[in-house]
Amino acid sequence: MSVDLGLSPDQEAIAELFDGFFAKESPTSVARAAEPLGFDRALWDKIVELGAPGMGSAVEVGGGGASLGDLVVLAESFGRAIAPVPLIDHLAALAVLDDADLVAGESIAAVALHPADADGRWSMVPAGAVADVVLGVDGDDLVVVRSAPPMAGLRNLGSMPMADRAARDGDRRVVGPVSAFAAVLDRWKLLTAAAQTGIADAALSLAVQYVTERFQFGVPIGSFQSVQHGLADLPIAVDGSRLLTHKAAWALSSSSPGAIDWRHNDITDGPTLASMAWLFATEAALMATDRSLHYHGGYGFAEEYDIQMYYRRARGWSYVLGDPSQECLELSETLFPGGR
């Protein structure tokens, strides 16, 4: 029996649409011009016209009814362009929100990845500087708060519109118990993994382009065996990341209970796969951007070269949830309870 690991016809259409859109409307010059805040309102308005903010919401509330697999395709195109809009956070928040203005993209949603502190503050919300709505945990509740965005953020390596936000000021309502946040976080990990896959893919393309155009000793530096060896395993990392992310999307969409059986290589539990995909894609993006920047030599650190932006975002996006090693420890406990 053969297994088709390619995209469905609908997903191929989504990839073609958004790859073309970002290539035209969000070349790297747009990301560069949006720094340091990392937000381009005009680009967001154009994304709204395509229906991307509500693409994963139910048709009954005005959304596109897209599957998680479809959103993964969109998120990879987004990451490949390092587009300066908080699309990942917005799509993650809409896992539990269906407000009409959010589905339409008229308002922007952010996800507070960490619970509010004792003073009712969410720290370092990734899209907090520009979001009209922030979703997060406060005490025993999952709450959503509407308030005016500060439009000024904390300087950060990934040029994200990051800011602290109040969890108890503004128009606040309880969405559900703390446990309801799990679905939001799983979707955030999944879509961030897809975006990191896009970063890794773009970094590989930049590296291949540079080493075929840069000459040394009268030949392209890509003809040097050491350079070839350094690039040879990157396509495996990119494709592996893409495959694992799509498997996680499938598992999270499944109505059947998932399995966690490492002895027989049978992992079909959605949250577990989302964590695995996030970790794998993070590592792929870090490795691909590191090698690509390295092969650019000193030029890789220059602001006019694109690879430095991908390098910084791969690292900034990797640590916004916290140290990935902590996620590894939690995953290992899930896979091997008690260290067995």
C-alpha atoms as a PDB file:
ATOM      1  CA  MET A   1       0.000   0.000   0.000  1.00  0.00           C
ATOM      2  CA  SER A   2       1.398   3.394  -0.968  1.00  0.00           C
ATOM      3  CA  VAL A   3       1.079   6.467   1.249  1.00  0.00           C
ATOM      4  CA  ASP A   4       0.592   9.893  -0.295  1.00  0.00           C
ATOM      5  CA  LEU A   5       2.507  12.438   1.790  1.00  0.00           C
ATOM      6  CA  GLY A   6       1.785  15.328  -0.543  1.00  0.00           C
ATOM      7  CA  LEU A   7      -0.656  18.173  -0.095  1.00  0.00           C
ATOM      8  CA  SER A   8      -4.277  17.780  -1.088  1.00  0.00           C
ATOM      9  CA  PRO A   9      -5.459  19.746  -4.140  1.00  0.00           C
ATOM     10  CA  ASP A  10      -7.081  22.312  -1.825  1.00  0.00           C
ATOM     11  CA  GLN A  11      -3.879  22.674   0.174  1.00  0.00           C
ATOM     12  CA  GLU A  12      -1.846  23.069  -2.992  1.00  0.00           C
ATOM     13  CA  ALA A  13      -4.177  25.907  -3.952  1.00  0.00           C
ATOM     14  CA  ILE A  14      -3.733  27.492  -0.526  1.00  0.00           C
ATOM     15  CA  ALA A  15       0.054  27.231  -0.799  1.00  0.00           C
ATOM     16  CA  GLU A  16       0.032  28.762  -4.273  1.00  0.00           C
ATOM     17  CA  LEU A  17      -2.260  31.585  -3.155  1.00  0.00           C
ATOM     18  CA  PHE A  18      -0.335  32.598  -0.053  1.00  0.00           C
ATOM     19  CA  ASP A  19       3.151  31.996  -1.439  1.00  0.00           C
ATOM     20  CA  GLY A  20       2.215  34.310  -4.283  1.00  0.00           C
ATOM     21  CA  PHE A  21       0.591  36.822  -1.964  1.00  0.00           C
ATOM     22  CA  PHE A  22       3.547  37.056   0.408  1.00  0.00           C
ATOM     23  CA  ALA A  23       6.050  37.170  -2.451  1.00  0.00           C
ATOM     24  CA  LYS A  24       4.223  40.172  -3.887  1.00  0.00           C
ATOM     25  CA  GLU A  25       2.959  42.009  -0.803  1.00  0.00           C
ATOM     26  CA  SER A  26       5.542  41.047   1.823  1.00  0.00           C
ATOM     27  CA  PRO A  27       9.051  40.735   0.405  1.00  0.00           C
ATOM     28  CA  THR A  28      11.784  40.916   3.031  1.00  0.00           C
ATOM     29  CA  SER A  29      11.970  44.685   2.533  1.00  0.00           C
ATOM     30  CA  VAL A  30       8.567  44.932   4.241  1.00  0.00           C
ATOM     31  CA  ALA A  31       9.793  42.984   7.276  1.00  0.00           C
ATOM     32  CA  ARG A  32      12.911  45.143   7.408  1.00  0.00           C
ATOM     33  CA  ALA A  33      10.918  48.380   7.214  1.00  0.00           C
ATOM     34  CA  ALA A  34       8.605  47.200  10.031  1.00  0.00           C
ATOM     35  CA  GLU A  35      11.430  46.751  12.543  1.00  0.00           C
ATOM     36  CA  PRO A  36      11.767  47.127  15.470  1.00  0.00           C
ATOM     37  CA  LEU A  37       8.025  46.903  16.289  1.00  0.00           C
ATOM     38  CA  GLY A  38       7.471  44.106  13.779  1.00  0.00           C
ATOM     39  CA  PHE A  39       4.023  45.144  12.576  1.00  0.00           C
ATOM     40  CA  ASP A  40       2.764  46.465   9.254  1.00  0.00           C
ATOM     41  CA  ARG A  41      -0.868  47.575   9.425  1.00  0.00           C
ATOM     42  CA  ALA A  42      -1.195  47.852   5.652  1.00  0.00           C
ATOM     43  CA  LEU A  43      -0.095  44.240   5.260  1.00  0.00           C
ATOM     44  CA  TRP A  44      -2.597  43.128   7.905  1.00  0.00           C
ATOM     45  CA  ASP A  45      -5.383  44.905   6.026  1.00  0.00           C
ATOM     46  CA  LYS A  46      -4.398  43.064   2.848  1.00  0.00           C
ATOM     47  CA  ILE A  47      -4.408  39.734   4.695  1.00  0.00           C
ATOM     48  CA  VAL A  48      -7.872  40.579   5.981  1.00  0.00           C
ATOM     49  CA  GLU A  49      -9.059  41.003   2.391  1.00  0.00           C
ATOM     50  CA  LEU A  50      -7.985  37.402   1.715  1.00  0.00           C
ATOM     51  CA  GLY A  51      -9.909  36.151   4.751  1.00  0.00           C
ATOM     52  CA  ALA A  52      -6.821  34.685   6.415  1.00  0.00           C
ATOM     53  CA  PRO A  53      -7.555  35.843  10.010  1.00  0.00           C
ATOM     54  CA  GLY A  54     -10.809  33.881  10.129  1.00  0.00           C
ATOM     55  CA  MET A  55      -9.777  31.100   7.805  1.00  0.00           C
ATOM     56  CA  GLY A  56      -9.878  28.428  10.513  1.00  0.00           C
ATOM     57  CA  SER A  57     -13.132  29.575  12.115  1.00  0.00           C
ATOM     58  CA  ALA A  58     -16.466  27.897  11.472  1.00  0.00           C
ATOM     59  CA  VAL A  59     -18.490  28.964   8.469  1.00  0.00           C
ATOM     60  CA  GLU A  60     -21.441  29.598  10.797  1.00  0.00           C
ATOM     61  CA  VAL A  61     -19.607  32.517  12.422  1.00  0.00           C
ATOM     62  CA  GLY A  62     -18.306  33.951   9.172  1.00  0.00           C
ATOM     63  CA  GLY A  63     -15.062  31.986   8.948  1.00  0.00           C
ATOM     64  CA  GLY A  64     -13.586  29.915   6.168  1.00  0.00           C
ATOM     65  CA  GLY A  65     -14.004  26.520   7.803  1.00  0.00           C
ATOM     66  CA  ALA A  66     -10.444  25.520   6.962  1.00  0.00           C
ATOM     67  CA  SER A  67      -8.879  22.474   8.599  1.00  0.00           C
ATOM     68  CA  LEU A  68      -5.806  22.570  10.819  1.00  0.00           C
ATOM     69  CA  GLY A  69      -3.857  21.050   7.932  1.00  0.00           C
ATOM     70  CA  ASP A  70      -4.905  23.993   5.774  1.00  0.00           C
ATOM     71  CA  LEU A  71      -3.785  26.434   8.473  1.00  0.00           C
ATOM     72  CA  VAL A  72      -0.414  24.678   8.612  1.00  0.00           C
ATOM     73  CA  VAL A  73       0.066  25.378   4.904  1.00  0.00           C
ATOM     74  CA  LEU A  74      -0.810  29.045   5.477  1.00  0.00           C
ATOM     75  CA  ALA A  75       1.521  29.289   8.479  1.00  0.00           C
ATOM     76  CA  GLU A  76       4.459  27.844   6.547  1.00  0.00           C
ATOM     77  CA  SER A  77       3.996  30.456   3.806  1.00  0.00           C
ATOM     78  CA  PHE A  78       3.809  33.122   6.511  1.00  0.00           C
ATOM     79  CA  GLY A  79       7.042  31.913   8.123  1.00  0.00           C
ATOM     80  CA  ARG A  80       8.831  31.690   4.796  1.00  0.00           C
ATOM     81  CA  ALA A  81       8.095  35.401   4.300  1.00  0.00           C
ATOM     82  CA  ILE A  82       8.680  36.374   7.984  1.00  0.00           C
ATOM     83  CA  ALA A  83       5.660  38.614   7.421  1.00  0.00           C
ATOM     84  CA  PRO A  84       5.374  41.381  10.060  1.00  0.00           C
ATOM     85  CA  VAL A  85       1.836  40.600  11.219  1.00  0.00           C
ATOM     86  CA  PRO A  86       0.687  38.558  14.271  1.00  0.00           C
ATOM     87  CA  LEU A  87      -1.128  35.941  12.226  1.00  0.00           C
ATOM     88  CA  ILE A  88      -0.019  32.891  14.249  1.00  0.00           C
ATOM     89  CA  ASP A  89      -1.197  34.346  17.556  1.00  0.00           C
ATOM     90  CA  HIS A  90      -4.484  35.502  16.049  1.00  0.00           C
ATOM     91  CA  LEU A  91      -5.250  32.092  14.543  1.00  0.00           C
ATOM     92  CA  ALA A  92      -4.331  30.382  17.825  1.00  0.00           C
ATOM     93  CA  ALA A  93      -6.647  32.616  19.849  1.00  0.00           C
ATOM     94  CA  LEU A  94      -9.520  31.834  17.503  1.00  0.00           C
ATOM     95  CA  ALA A  95      -9.326  28.217  18.597  1.00  0.00           C
ATOM     96  CA  VAL A  96     -11.744  29.266  21.369  1.00  0.00           C
ATOM     97  CA  LEU A  97     -12.938  32.725  20.274  1.00  0.00           C
ATOM     98  CA  ASP A  98     -15.547  33.415  17.605  1.00  0.00           C
ATOM     99  CA  ASP A  99     -16.218  37.147  17.979  1.00  0.00           C
ATOM    100  CA  ALA A 100     -17.350  38.537  14.638  1.00  0.00           C
ATOM    101  CA  ASP A 101     -14.733  41.307  14.552  1.00  0.00           C
ATOM    102  CA  LEU A 102     -11.950  38.823  15.269  1.00  0.00           C
ATOM    103  CA  VAL A 103     -13.100  36.364  12.628  1.00  0.00           C
ATOM    104  CA  ALA A 104     -13.267  39.223  10.126  1.00  0.00           C
ATOM    105  CA  GLY A 105      -9.839  40.491  11.177  1.00  0.00           C
ATOM    106  CA  GLU A 106     -11.195  43.902  12.119  1.00  0.00           C
ATOM    107  CA  SER A 107      -9.630  43.398  15.558  1.00  0.00           C
ATOM    108  CA  ILE A 108      -6.387  41.565  16.311  1.00  0.00           C
ATOM    109  CA  ALA A 109      -6.109  38.859  18.956  1.00  0.00           C
ATOM    110  CA  ALA A 110      -3.025  37.889  20.937  1.00  0.00           C
ATOM    111  CA  VAL A 111      -2.275  34.932  23.188  1.00  0.00           C
ATOM    112  CA  ALA A 112      -0.604  35.420  26.557  1.00  0.00           C
ATOM    113  CA  LEU A 113       1.528  32.287  26.674  1.00  0.00           C
ATOM    114  CA  HIS A 114       2.156  32.543  30.414  1.00  0.00           C
ATOM    115  CA  PRO A 115      -0.369  33.031  33.254  1.00  0.00           C
ATOM    116  CA  ALA A 116      -0.918  36.472  34.726  1.00  0.00           C
ATOM    117  CA  ASP A 117       1.160  37.334  37.776  1.00  0.00           C
ATOM    118  CA  ALA A 118      -0.194  38.302  41.192  1.00  0.00           C
ATOM    119  CA  ASP A 119      -0.652  41.888  40.023  1.00  0.00           C
ATOM    120  CA  GLY A 120      -2.773  40.807  37.068  1.00  0.00           C
ATOM    121  CA  ARG A 121      -0.152  41.379  34.372  1.00  0.00           C
ATOM    122  CA  TRP A 122       0.641  39.173  31.432  1.00  0.00           C
ATOM    123  CA  SER A 123       4.337  39.446  30.684  1.00  0.00           C
ATOM    124  CA  MET A 124       5.891  39.470  27.227  1.00  0.00           C
ATOM    125  CA  VAL A 125       2.760  38.756  25.190  1.00  0.00           C
ATOM    126  CA  PRO A 126       4.114  38.061  21.668  1.00  0.00           C
ATOM    127  CA  ALA A 127       1.560  40.261  19.872  1.00  0.00           C
ATOM    128  CA  GLY A 128       0.699  42.373  22.884  1.00  0.00           C
ATOM    129  CA  ALA A 129       1.880  45.659  21.413  1.00  0.00           C
ATOM    130  CA  VAL A 130      -0.705  45.664  18.620  1.00  0.00           C
ATOM    131  CA  ALA A 131      -3.546  43.381  19.750  1.00  0.00           C
ATOM    132  CA  ASP A 132      -7.016  44.692  20.569  1.00  0.00           C
ATOM    133  CA  VAL A 133      -7.841  41.486  22.422  1.00  0.00           C
ATOM    134  CA  VAL A 134      -5.616  39.334  24.643  1.00  0.00           C
ATOM    135  CA  LEU A 135      -6.505  35.774  25.596  1.00  0.00           C
ATOM    136  CA  GLY A 136      -4.788  34.170  28.549  1.00  0.00           C
ATOM    137  CA  VAL A 137      -4.908  32.508  31.934  1.00  0.00           C
ATOM    138  CA  ASP A 138      -5.609  34.519  35.076  1.00  0.00           C
ATOM    139  CA  GLY A 139      -5.893  32.473  38.230  1.00  0.00           C
ATOM    140  CA  ASP A 140      -8.304  29.595  37.639  1.00  0.00           C
ATOM    141  CA  ASP A 141      -9.867  31.083  34.534  1.00  0.00           C
ATOM    142  CA  LEU A 142      -9.184  31.494  30.849  1.00  0.00           C
ATOM    143  CA  VAL A 143     -10.134  35.095  30.148  1.00  0.00           C
ATOM    144  CA  VAL A 144     -10.225  37.478  27.225  1.00  0.00           C
ATOM    145  CA  VAL A 145      -9.597  41.191  27.725  1.00  0.00           C
ATOM    146  CA  ARG A 146     -10.310  43.989  25.271  1.00  0.00           C
ATOM    147  CA  SER A 147      -8.275  47.139  25.688  1.00  0.00           C
ATOM    148  CA  ALA A 148      -6.419  49.642  23.553  1.00  0.00           C
ATOM    149  CA  PRO A 149      -3.069  48.289  22.309  1.00  0.00           C
ATOM    150  CA  PRO A 150      -0.017  50.322  23.357  1.00  0.00           C
ATOM    151  CA  MET A 151       1.472  50.245  19.826  1.00  0.00           C
ATOM    152  CA  ALA A 152       4.897  50.201  21.445  1.00  0.00           C
ATOM    153  CA  GLY A 153       6.708  47.089  22.503  1.00  0.00           C
ATOM    154  CA  LEU A 154       9.663  45.512  24.221  1.00  0.00           C
ATOM    155  CA  ARG A 155      12.775  45.311  22.063  1.00  0.00           C
ATOM    156  CA  ASN A 156      13.440  41.689  21.242  1.00  0.00           C
ATOM    157  CA  LEU A 157      15.647  39.586  19.006  1.00  0.00           C
ATOM    158  CA  GLY A 158      12.799  38.387  16.803  1.00  0.00           C
ATOM    159  CA  SER A 159      11.344  41.856  16.148  1.00  0.00           C
ATOM    160  CA  MET A 160       7.948  40.739  17.451  1.00  0.00           C
ATOM    161  CA  PRO A 161       5.321  43.263  18.626  1.00  0.00           C
ATOM    162  CA  MET A 162       5.853  42.045  22.187  1.00  0.00           C
ATOM    163  CA  ALA A 163       4.478  43.880  25.223  1.00  0.00           C
ATOM    164  CA  ASP A 164       3.124  43.358  28.724  1.00  0.00           C
ATOM    165  CA  ARG A 165      -0.672  43.568  29.013  1.00  0.00           C
ATOM    166  CA  ALA A 166      -3.186  43.899  31.846  1.00  0.00           C
ATOM    167  CA  ALA A 167      -5.349  40.862  32.574  1.00  0.00           C
ATOM    168  CA  ARG A 168      -7.873  42.714  34.760  1.00  0.00           C
ATOM    169  CA  ASP A 169      -8.296  46.104  33.088  1.00  0.00           C
ATOM    170  CA  GLY A 170     -10.579  46.797  30.152  1.00  0.00           C
ATOM    171  CA  ASP A 171     -13.543  44.774  28.915  1.00  0.00           C
ATOM    172  CA  ARG A 172     -12.925  41.362  30.487  1.00  0.00           C
ATOM    173  CA  ARG A 173     -14.894  38.149  30.256  1.00  0.00           C
ATOM    174  CA  VAL A 174     -14.290  34.570  31.330  1.00  0.00           C
ATOM    175  CA  VAL A 175     -14.068  32.151  28.409  1.00  0.00           C
ATOM    176  CA  GLY A 176     -13.749  28.964  30.422  1.00  0.00           C
ATOM    177  CA  PRO A 177     -11.590  27.108  32.952  1.00  0.00           C
ATOM    178  CA  VAL A 178      -7.805  26.935  32.755  1.00  0.00           C
ATOM    179  CA  SER A 179      -8.078  23.574  31.026  1.00  0.00           C
ATOM    180  CA  ALA A 180      -9.599  25.296  27.977  1.00  0.00           C
ATOM    181  CA  PHE A 181      -6.256  26.968  27.317  1.00  0.00           C
ATOM    182  CA  ALA A 182      -4.710  23.634  26.292  1.00  0.00           C
ATOM    183  CA  ALA A 183      -6.398  23.745  22.881  1.00  0.00           C
ATOM    184  CA  VAL A 184      -5.091  27.265  22.299  1.00  0.00           C
ATOM    185  CA  LEU A 185      -1.548  26.351  23.259  1.00  0.00           C
ATOM    186  CA  ASP A 186      -1.600  23.205  21.129  1.00  0.00           C
ATOM    187  CA  ARG A 187      -2.691  25.232  18.097  1.00  0.00           C
ATOM    188  CA  TRP A 188      -0.063  27.883  18.839  1.00  0.00           C
ATOM    189  CA  LYS A 189       2.680  25.223  18.966  1.00  0.00           C
ATOM    190  CA  LEU A 190       1.407  23.613  15.775  1.00  0.00           C
ATOM    191  CA  LEU A 191       1.260  26.845  13.758  1.00  0.00           C
ATOM    192  CA  THR A 192       4.553  28.111  15.172  1.00  0.00           C
ATOM    193  CA  ALA A 193       6.119  24.809  14.089  1.00  0.00           C
ATOM    194  CA  ALA A 194       4.787  25.381  10.582  1.00  0.00           C
ATOM    195  CA  ALA A 195       6.127  28.940  10.556  1.00  0.00           C
ATOM    196  CA  GLN A 196       9.537  27.722  11.739  1.00  0.00           C
ATOM    197  CA  THR A 197       9.472  25.165   8.927  1.00  0.00           C
ATOM    198  CA  GLY A 198       8.968  28.062   6.554  1.00  0.00           C
ATOM    199  CA  ILE A 199      11.933  29.883   8.067  1.00  0.00           C
ATOM    200  CA  ALA A 200      14.132  26.803   7.688  1.00  0.00           C
ATOM    201  CA  ASP A 201      13.046  26.371   4.080  1.00  0.00           C
ATOM    202  CA  ALA A 202      13.756  30.029   3.267  1.00  0.00           C
ATOM    203  CA  ALA A 203      17.154  29.889   4.985  1.00  0.00           C
ATOM    204  CA  LEU A 204      18.110  26.856   2.911  1.00  0.00           C
ATOM    205  CA  SER A 205      17.089  28.645  -0.287  1.00  0.00           C
ATOM    206  CA  LEU A 206      19.112  31.703   0.683  1.00  0.00           C
ATOM    207  CA  ALA A 207      22.144  29.528   1.383  1.00  0.00           C
ATOM    208  CA  VAL A 208      21.925  27.665  -1.921  1.00  0.00           C
ATOM    209  CA  GLN A 209      21.513  30.917  -3.830  1.00  0.00           C
ATOM    210  CA  TYR A 210      24.501  32.514  -2.121  1.00  0.00           C
ATOM    211  CA  VAL A 211      26.934  29.600  -2.445  1.00  0.00           C
ATOM    212  CA  THR A 212      26.179  29.267  -6.151  1.00  0.00           C
ATOM    213  CA  GLU A 213      26.736  32.985  -6.789  1.00  0.00           C
ATOM    214  CA  ARG A 214      29.712  33.615  -4.492  1.00  0.00           C
ATOM    215  CA  PHE A 215      33.033  32.740  -6.164  1.00  0.00           C
ATOM    216  CA  GLN A 216      36.332  32.011  -4.465  1.00  0.00           C
ATOM    217  CA  PHE A 217      39.496  30.775  -6.182  1.00  0.00           C
ATOM    218  CA  GLY A 218      37.632  31.066  -9.474  1.00  0.00           C
ATOM    219  CA  VAL A 219      34.814  28.637  -8.561  1.00  0.00           C
ATOM    220  CA  PRO A 220      31.505  28.894  -6.687  1.00  0.00           C
ATOM    221  CA  ILE A 221      31.971  28.214  -2.985  1.00  0.00           C
ATOM    222  CA  GLY A 222      29.112  25.740  -3.283  1.00  0.00           C
ATOM    223  CA  SER A 223      31.526  23.448  -5.121  1.00  0.00           C
ATOM    224  CA  PHE A 224      33.584  23.033  -1.933  1.00  0.00           C
ATOM    225  CA  GLN A 225      32.885  19.688  -0.330  1.00  0.00           C
ATOM    226  CA  SER A 226      32.682  21.104   3.210  1.00  0.00           C
ATOM    227  CA  VAL A 227      29.948  23.521   2.130  1.00  0.00           C
ATOM    228  CA  GLN A 228      28.059  20.755   0.346  1.00  0.00           C
ATOM    229  CA  HIS A 229      28.222  18.566   3.435  1.00  0.00           C
ATOM    230  CA  GLY A 230      26.886  21.391   5.586  1.00  0.00           C
ATOM    231  CA  LEU A 231      23.865  21.867   3.350  1.00  0.00           C
ATOM    232  CA  ALA A 232      23.177  18.240   2.441  1.00  0.00           C
ATOM    233  CA  ASP A 233      21.146  17.326   5.523  1.00  0.00           C
ATOM    234  CA  LEU A 234      19.071  20.523   5.665  1.00  0.00           C
ATOM    235  CA  PRO A 235      16.417  19.317   3.179  1.00  0.00           C
ATOM    236  CA  ILE A 236      15.874  16.310   5.454  1.00  0.00           C
ATOM    237  CA  ALA A 237      15.334  18.622   8.422  1.00  0.00           C
ATOM    238  CA  VAL A 238      12.905  20.795   6.461  1.00  0.00           C
ATOM    239  CA  ASP A 239      10.915  17.887   5.031  1.00  0.00           C
ATOM    240  CA  GLY A 240      10.904  16.066   8.364  1.00  0.00           C
ATOM    241  CA  SER A 241       9.634  19.166  10.102  1.00  0.00           C
ATOM    242  CA  ARG A 242       6.901  19.605   7.518  1.00  0.00           C
ATOM    243  CA  LEU A 243       5.824  15.956   7.772  1.00  0.00           C
ATOM    244  CA  LEU A 244       5.713  15.952  11.571  1.00  0.00           C
ATOM    245  CA  THR A 245       3.757  19.219  11.639  1.00  0.00           C
ATOM    246  CA  HIS A 246       1.133  17.860   9.270  1.00  0.00           C
ATOM    247  CA  LYS A 247       0.877  14.683  11.322  1.00  0.00           C
ATOM    248  CA  ALA A 248       0.292  16.797  14.427  1.00  0.00           C
ATOM    249  CA  ALA A 249      -2.437  18.735  12.594  1.00  0.00           C
ATOM    250  CA  TRP A 250      -4.095  15.460  11.623  1.00  0.00           C
ATOM    251  CA  ALA A 251      -3.908  14.134  15.189  1.00  0.00           C
ATOM    252  CA  LEU A 252      -5.280  17.316  16.747  1.00  0.00           C
ATOM    253  CA  SER A 253      -8.203  17.180  14.311  1.00  0.00           C
ATOM    254  CA  SER A 254      -8.987  13.553  15.061  1.00  0.00           C
ATOM    255  CA  SER A 255     -11.987  12.696  17.222  1.00  0.00           C
ATOM    256  CA  SER A 256     -10.412   9.413  18.276  1.00  0.00           C
ATOM    257  CA  PRO A 257      -8.177   9.085  21.334  1.00  0.00           C
ATOM    258  CA  GLY A 258      -4.524   9.185  20.399  1.00  0.00           C
ATOM    259  CA  ALA A 259      -1.876   6.672  21.345  1.00  0.00           C
ATOM    260  CA  ILE A 260       1.476   7.230  23.047  1.00  0.00           C
ATOM    261  CA  ASP A 261       3.405   4.019  22.476  1.00  0.00           C
ATOM    262  CA  TRP A 262       7.058   4.763  21.821  1.00  0.00           C
ATOM    263  CA  ARG A 263       7.989   1.063  21.882  1.00  0.00           C
ATOM    264  CA  HIS A 264       6.063   0.487  18.659  1.00  0.00           C
ATOM    265  CA  ASN A 265       6.663   3.981  17.263  1.00  0.00           C
ATOM    266  CA  ASP A 266       2.941   4.651  17.585  1.00  0.00           C
ATOM    267  CA  ILE A 267       2.450   8.286  18.578  1.00  0.00           C
ATOM    268  CA  THR A 268      -0.930   9.636  17.486  1.00  0.00           C
ATOM    269  CA  ASP A 269      -1.798  11.828  20.469  1.00  0.00           C
ATOM    270  CA  GLY A 270      -2.410  15.362  19.215  1.00  0.00           C
ATOM    271  CA  PRO A 271      -0.906  17.441  22.051  1.00  0.00           C
ATOM    272  CA  THR A 272       2.148  15.180  22.174  1.00  0.00           C
ATOM    273  CA  LEU A 273       2.716  15.507  18.443  1.00  0.00           C
ATOM    274  CA  ALA A 274       2.197  19.279  18.601  1.00  0.00           C
ATOM    275  CA  SER A 275       4.957  19.476  21.192  1.00  0.00           C
ATOM    276  CA  MET A 276       7.216  17.212  19.134  1.00  0.00           C
ATOM    277  CA  ALA A 277       6.567  19.255  15.987  1.00  0.00           C
ATOM    278  CA  TRP A 278       7.325  22.521  17.760  1.00  0.00           C
ATOM    279  CA  LEU A 279      10.616  21.183  19.121  1.00  0.00           C
ATOM    280  CA  PHE A 280      11.677  19.567  15.847  1.00  0.00           C
ATOM    281  CA  ALA A 281      10.793  22.611  13.728  1.00  0.00           C
ATOM    282  CA  THR A 282      12.525  24.911  16.177  1.00  0.00           C
ATOM    283  CA  GLU A 283      15.712  22.869  15.897  1.00  0.00           C
ATOM    284  CA  ALA A 284      15.419  22.756  12.107  1.00  0.00           C
ATOM    285  CA  ALA A 285      15.061  26.547  11.900  1.00  0.00           C
ATOM    286  CA  LEU A 286      17.970  27.131  14.267  1.00  0.00           C
ATOM    287  CA  MET A 287      20.224  24.767  12.329  1.00  0.00           C
ATOM    288  CA  ALA A 288      19.244  26.012   8.870  1.00  0.00           C
ATOM    289  CA  THR A 289      19.633  29.702   9.703  1.00  0.00           C
ATOM    290  CA  ASP A 290      22.920  29.089  11.508  1.00  0.00           C
ATOM    291  CA  ARG A 291      24.485  27.263   8.568  1.00  0.00           C
ATOM    292  CA  SER A 292      23.074  29.668   6.004  1.00  0.00           C
ATOM    293  CA  LEU A 293      24.432  32.678   7.876  1.00  0.00           C
ATOM    294  CA  HIS A 294      27.765  30.900   8.341  1.00  0.00           C
ATOM    295  CA  TYR A 295      28.132  30.293   4.607  1.00  0.00           C
ATOM    296  CA  HIS A 296      27.348  33.945   3.944  1.00  0.00           C
ATOM    297  CA  GLY A 297      30.495  34.751   5.903  1.00  0.00           C
ATOM    298  CA  GLY A 298      30.730  38.260   7.310  1.00  0.00           C
ATOM    299  CA  TYR A 299      27.992  39.410   4.948  1.00  0.00           C
ATOM    300  CA  GLY A 300      25.531  37.294   6.917  1.00  0.00           C
ATOM    301  CA  PHE A 301      25.680  39.743   9.815  1.00  0.00           C
ATOM    302  CA  ALA A 302      25.115  42.806   7.639  1.00  0.00           C
ATOM    303  CA  GLU A 303      21.698  44.418   7.873  1.00  0.00           C
ATOM    304  CA  GLU A 304      21.269  44.577   4.101  1.00  0.00           C
ATOM    305  CA  TYR A 305      21.429  40.765   3.838  1.00  0.00           C
ATOM    306  CA  ASP A 306      18.177  38.917   4.483  1.00  0.00           C
ATOM    307  CA  ILE A 307      19.637  35.921   6.280  1.00  0.00           C
ATOM    308  CA  GLN A 308      20.273  37.896   9.468  1.00  0.00           C
ATOM    309  CA  MET A 309      16.531  38.580   9.798  1.00  0.00           C
ATOM    310  CA  TYR A 310      15.714  34.885   9.476  1.00  0.00           C
ATOM    311  CA  TYR A 311      18.505  34.035  11.917  1.00  0.00           C
ATOM    312  CA  ARG A 312      17.123  36.437  14.531  1.00  0.00           C
ATOM    313  CA  ARG A 313      13.523  35.364  14.108  1.00  0.00           C
ATOM    314  CA  ALA A 314      14.359  31.677  14.345  1.00  0.00           C
ATOM    315  CA  ARG A 315      15.845  32.376  17.760  1.00  0.00           C
ATOM    316  CA  GLY A 316      13.300  34.915  18.934  1.00  0.00           C
ATOM    317  CA  TRP A 317      10.350  32.709  17.982  1.00  0.00           C
ATOM    318  CA  SER A 318      12.040  29.694  19.586  1.00  0.00           C
ATOM    319  CA  TYR A 319      12.218  31.199  23.063  1.00  0.00           C
ATOM    320  CA  VAL A 320       8.975  33.167  23.314  1.00  0.00           C
ATOM    321  CA  LEU A 321       7.302  30.169  25.006  1.00  0.00           C
ATOM    322  CA  GLY A 322      10.327  29.571  27.208  1.00  0.00           C
ATOM    323  CA  ASP A 323      13.466  27.494  27.049  1.00  0.00           C
ATOM    324  CA  PRO A 324      12.823  24.618  24.597  1.00  0.00           C
ATOM    325  CA  SER A 325      14.796  22.329  26.897  1.00  0.00           C
ATOM    326  CA  GLN A 326      11.971  22.600  29.436  1.00  0.00           C
ATOM    327  CA  GLU A 327       9.508  21.480  26.782  1.00  0.00           C
ATOM    328  CA  CYS A 328      11.847  18.552  26.072  1.00  0.00           C
ATOM    329  CA  LEU A 329      11.746  17.540  29.729  1.00  0.00           C
ATOM    330  CA  GLU A 330       7.963  17.689  29.825  1.00  0.00           C
ATOM    331  CA  LEU A 331       7.721  15.722  26.593  1.00  0.00           C
ATOM    332  CA  SER A 332      10.085  13.072  27.885  1.00  0.00           C
ATOM    333  CA  GLU A 333       7.888  12.627  30.963  1.00  0.00           C
ATOM    334  CA  THR A 334       4.873  12.177  28.680  1.00  0.00           C
ATOM    335  CA  LEU A 335       6.633   9.607  26.535  1.00  0.00           C
ATOM    336  CA  PHE A 336       8.526   7.841  29.331  1.00  0.00           C
ATOM    337  CA  PRO A 337       6.552   8.292  32.586  1.00  0.00           C
ATOM    338  CA  GLY A 338       8.788   7.874  35.595  1.00  0.00           C
ATOM    339  CA  GLY A 339      11.884   7.722  33.427  1.00  0.00           C
ATOM    340  CA  ARG A 340      11.151   4.195  32.218  1.00  0.00           C
END
